[in-house]
Amino acid sequence: MRERQVVFNWDVQGTLAADLTRTFSLPEPFIVTHAGGTAANDSSATLALSGGATIAAAAIGDSGAFLFAEPTSEQHVAALTVVTATLDYDGASGTAAAGGVEIIVVCQTAS
């Protein structure tokens, strides 16, 4: 079998005024190796994954510097399982992500 990496990338311009939710799936089994993001400003935004792969809410990077989180254990996700990435735009009622936000989720397949 041949492993390959699949990268999901979402780029959102402007100041966020509500949480951002994106979903993804793959036609083959996979694991999420890490997820993260950045905002152009010094925000309090957090990113979490749920569904077949879980990453608890973790801070994203600020001022264009990426900050990544990894699952606490290797979580095998079945083919066609929908995983949800949720960006809490202001964390715990802190500063909203602004000036452009980028979210990246990296997955590893085994086929």
C-alpha atoms as a PDB file:
ATOM      1  CA  MET A   1       0.000   0.000   0.000  1.00  0.00           C
ATOM      2  CA  ARG A   2       1.049   3.544  -0.687  1.00  0.00           C
ATOM      3  CA  GLU A   3       0.435   6.272   1.862  1.00  0.00           C
ATOM      4  CA  ARG A   4      -0.445   9.758   0.756  1.00  0.00           C
ATOM      5  CA  GLN A   5      -1.154  13.057   2.432  1.00  0.00           C
ATOM      6  CA  VAL A   6      -4.308  15.023   1.753  1.00  0.00           C
ATOM      7  CA  VAL A   7      -4.491  18.667   2.786  1.00  0.00           C
ATOM      8  CA  PHE A   8      -7.754  20.560   3.257  1.00  0.00           C
ATOM      9  CA  ASN A   9      -7.326  24.339   3.227  1.00  0.00           C
ATOM     10  CA  TRP A  10      -9.897  27.073   3.837  1.00  0.00           C
ATOM     11  CA  ASP A  11      -9.073  30.753   3.439  1.00  0.00           C
ATOM     12  CA  VAL A  12     -11.583  33.310   4.729  1.00  0.00           C
ATOM     13  CA  GLN A  13     -11.078  37.043   4.235  1.00  0.00           C
ATOM     14  CA  GLY A  14     -12.329  39.825   6.494  1.00  0.00           C
ATOM     15  CA  THR A  15     -13.331  39.927  10.145  1.00  0.00           C
ATOM     16  CA  LEU A  16     -15.348  36.953  11.359  1.00  0.00           C
ATOM     17  CA  ALA A  17     -18.602  37.733  13.186  1.00  0.00           C
ATOM     18  CA  ALA A  18     -19.740  34.129  13.725  1.00  0.00           C
ATOM     19  CA  ASP A  19     -18.249  30.665  14.068  1.00  0.00           C
ATOM     20  CA  LEU A  20     -17.095  29.017  10.850  1.00  0.00           C
ATOM     21  CA  THR A  21     -17.881  25.354  10.148  1.00  0.00           C
ATOM     22  CA  ARG A  22     -16.457  23.270   7.305  1.00  0.00           C
ATOM     23  CA  THR A  23     -16.844  19.547   6.630  1.00  0.00           C
ATOM     24  CA  PHE A  24     -14.730  17.059   4.733  1.00  0.00           C
ATOM     25  CA  SER A  25     -14.449  13.350   4.009  1.00  0.00           C
ATOM     26  CA  LEU A  26     -12.353  11.024   1.888  1.00  0.00           C
ATOM     27  CA  PRO A  27     -13.371   8.007  -0.217  1.00  0.00           C
ATOM     28  CA  GLU A  28     -10.862   5.835   1.679  1.00  0.00           C
ATOM     29  CA  PRO A  29      -9.893   5.308   5.340  1.00  0.00           C
ATOM     30  CA  PHE A  30      -7.609   7.979   6.818  1.00  0.00           C
ATOM     31  CA  ILE A  31      -6.222   9.551   9.964  1.00  0.00           C
ATOM     32  CA  VAL A  32      -5.959  13.251  10.768  1.00  0.00           C
ATOM     33  CA  THR A  33      -2.334  14.011  11.576  1.00  0.00           C
ATOM     34  CA  HIS A  34      -2.821  17.647  12.568  1.00  0.00           C
ATOM     35  CA  ALA A  35      -5.037  20.680  12.182  1.00  0.00           C
ATOM     36  CA  GLY A  36      -4.467  24.348  12.737  1.00  0.00           C
ATOM     37  CA  GLY A  37      -4.656  27.810  11.393  1.00  0.00           C
ATOM     38  CA  THR A  38      -3.774  31.445  11.649  1.00  0.00           C
ATOM     39  CA  ALA A  39      -5.453  34.830  11.761  1.00  0.00           C
ATOM     40  CA  ALA A  40      -3.907  38.080  10.555  1.00  0.00           C
ATOM     41  CA  ASN A  41      -4.539  39.703  13.929  1.00  0.00           C
ATOM     42  CA  ASP A  42      -3.892  38.747  17.570  1.00  0.00           C
ATOM     43  CA  SER A  43      -7.166  36.819  17.993  1.00  0.00           C
ATOM     44  CA  SER A  44      -8.619  34.466  20.587  1.00  0.00           C
ATOM     45  CA  ALA A  45     -10.017  32.086  17.934  1.00  0.00           C
ATOM     46  CA  THR A  46      -9.904  28.323  18.472  1.00  0.00           C
ATOM     47  CA  LEU A  47     -10.234  25.363  16.095  1.00  0.00           C
ATOM     48  CA  ALA A  48     -11.801  21.993  16.941  1.00  0.00           C
ATOM     49  CA  LEU A  49     -12.507  18.807  14.955  1.00  0.00           C
ATOM     50  CA  SER A  50     -15.407  16.446  15.556  1.00  0.00           C
ATOM     51  CA  GLY A  51     -16.966  13.473  13.830  1.00  0.00           C
ATOM     52  CA  GLY A  52     -14.662  10.606  12.932  1.00  0.00           C
ATOM     53  CA  ALA A  53     -11.596  12.485  14.227  1.00  0.00           C
ATOM     54  CA  THR A  54     -11.514  14.599  17.366  1.00  0.00           C
ATOM     55  CA  ILE A  55      -9.227  17.456  18.330  1.00  0.00           C
ATOM     56  CA  ALA A  56     -10.303  19.551  21.311  1.00  0.00           C
ATOM     57  CA  ALA A  57     -10.571  23.315  20.821  1.00  0.00           C
ATOM     58  CA  ALA A  58      -7.051  24.675  20.371  1.00  0.00           C
ATOM     59  CA  ALA A  59      -5.812  28.194  19.718  1.00  0.00           C
ATOM     60  CA  ILE A  60      -4.884  29.139  16.186  1.00  0.00           C
ATOM     61  CA  GLY A  61      -1.797  31.198  15.373  1.00  0.00           C
ATOM     62  CA  ASP A  62      -1.685  34.974  15.222  1.00  0.00           C
ATOM     63  CA  SER A  63      -0.234  37.502  12.798  1.00  0.00           C
ATOM     64  CA  GLY A  64       0.161  34.939  10.018  1.00  0.00           C
ATOM     65  CA  ALA A  65       2.106  32.377  12.118  1.00  0.00           C
ATOM     66  CA  PHE A  66       0.486  28.935  12.010  1.00  0.00           C
ATOM     67  CA  LEU A  67      -0.228  27.001  15.184  1.00  0.00           C
ATOM     68  CA  PHE A  68      -1.108  23.310  14.821  1.00  0.00           C
ATOM     69  CA  ALA A  69      -2.748  20.785  17.150  1.00  0.00           C
ATOM     70  CA  GLU A  70      -2.520  17.004  16.928  1.00  0.00           C
ATOM     71  CA  PRO A  71      -5.021  14.372  18.039  1.00  0.00           C
ATOM     72  CA  THR A  72      -4.193  12.893  21.457  1.00  0.00           C
ATOM     73  CA  SER A  73      -4.267   9.424  19.875  1.00  0.00           C
ATOM     74  CA  GLU A  74      -4.245   8.000  16.362  1.00  0.00           C
ATOM     75  CA  GLN A  75      -7.874   7.973  15.257  1.00  0.00           C
ATOM     76  CA  HIS A  76      -8.705   5.858  12.230  1.00  0.00           C
ATOM     77  CA  VAL A  77     -11.573   7.359  10.250  1.00  0.00           C
ATOM     78  CA  ALA A  78     -13.661   5.129   7.993  1.00  0.00           C
ATOM     79  CA  ALA A  79     -14.080   5.979   4.325  1.00  0.00           C
ATOM     80  CA  LEU A  80     -16.789   8.572   3.611  1.00  0.00           C
ATOM     81  CA  THR A  81     -17.095   9.571   7.293  1.00  0.00           C
ATOM     82  CA  VAL A  82     -17.788  13.293   7.588  1.00  0.00           C
ATOM     83  CA  VAL A  83     -15.415  15.222   9.846  1.00  0.00           C
ATOM     84  CA  THR A  84     -16.367  18.731  10.972  1.00  0.00           C
ATOM     85  CA  ALA A  85     -13.844  21.533  11.525  1.00  0.00           C
ATOM     86  CA  THR A  86     -15.261  24.346  13.683  1.00  0.00           C
ATOM     87  CA  LEU A  87     -13.506  27.669  14.117  1.00  0.00           C
ATOM     88  CA  ASP A  88     -14.806  29.544  17.168  1.00  0.00           C
ATOM     89  CA  TYR A  89     -14.185  33.025  15.817  1.00  0.00           C
ATOM     90  CA  ASP A  90     -13.495  34.649  19.209  1.00  0.00           C
ATOM     91  CA  GLY A  91     -12.631  31.734  21.508  1.00  0.00           C
ATOM     92  CA  ALA A  92     -14.185  32.334  24.930  1.00  0.00           C
ATOM     93  CA  SER A  93     -15.614  35.764  24.041  1.00  0.00           C
ATOM     94  CA  GLY A  94     -12.190  37.213  23.311  1.00  0.00           C
ATOM     95  CA  THR A  95     -10.883  39.003  20.232  1.00  0.00           C
ATOM     96  CA  ALA A  96     -12.469  37.967  16.918  1.00  0.00           C
ATOM     97  CA  ALA A  97     -10.236  36.627  14.150  1.00  0.00           C
ATOM     98  CA  ALA A  98      -9.785  39.358  11.555  1.00  0.00           C
ATOM     99  CA  GLY A  99      -7.903  40.349   8.433  1.00  0.00           C
ATOM    100  CA  GLY A 100      -7.976  36.890   6.932  1.00  0.00           C
ATOM    101  CA  VAL A 101      -8.086  33.436   8.489  1.00  0.00           C
ATOM    102  CA  GLU A 102      -6.557  30.259   7.095  1.00  0.00           C
ATOM    103  CA  ILE A 103      -7.393  26.773   8.343  1.00  0.00           C
ATOM    104  CA  ILE A 104      -5.439  23.665   7.371  1.00  0.00           C
ATOM    105  CA  VAL A 105      -6.253  20.021   8.143  1.00  0.00           C
ATOM    106  CA  VAL A 106      -3.714  17.350   7.130  1.00  0.00           C
ATOM    107  CA  CYS A 107      -4.814  13.735   6.671  1.00  0.00           C
ATOM    108  CA  GLN A 108      -2.875  10.539   5.942  1.00  0.00           C
ATOM    109  CA  THR A 109      -4.326   7.661   3.902  1.00  0.00           C
ATOM    110  CA  ALA A 110      -2.991   4.131   3.638  1.00  0.00           C
ATOM    111  CA  SER A 111      -3.876   3.294   0.052  1.00  0.00           C
END
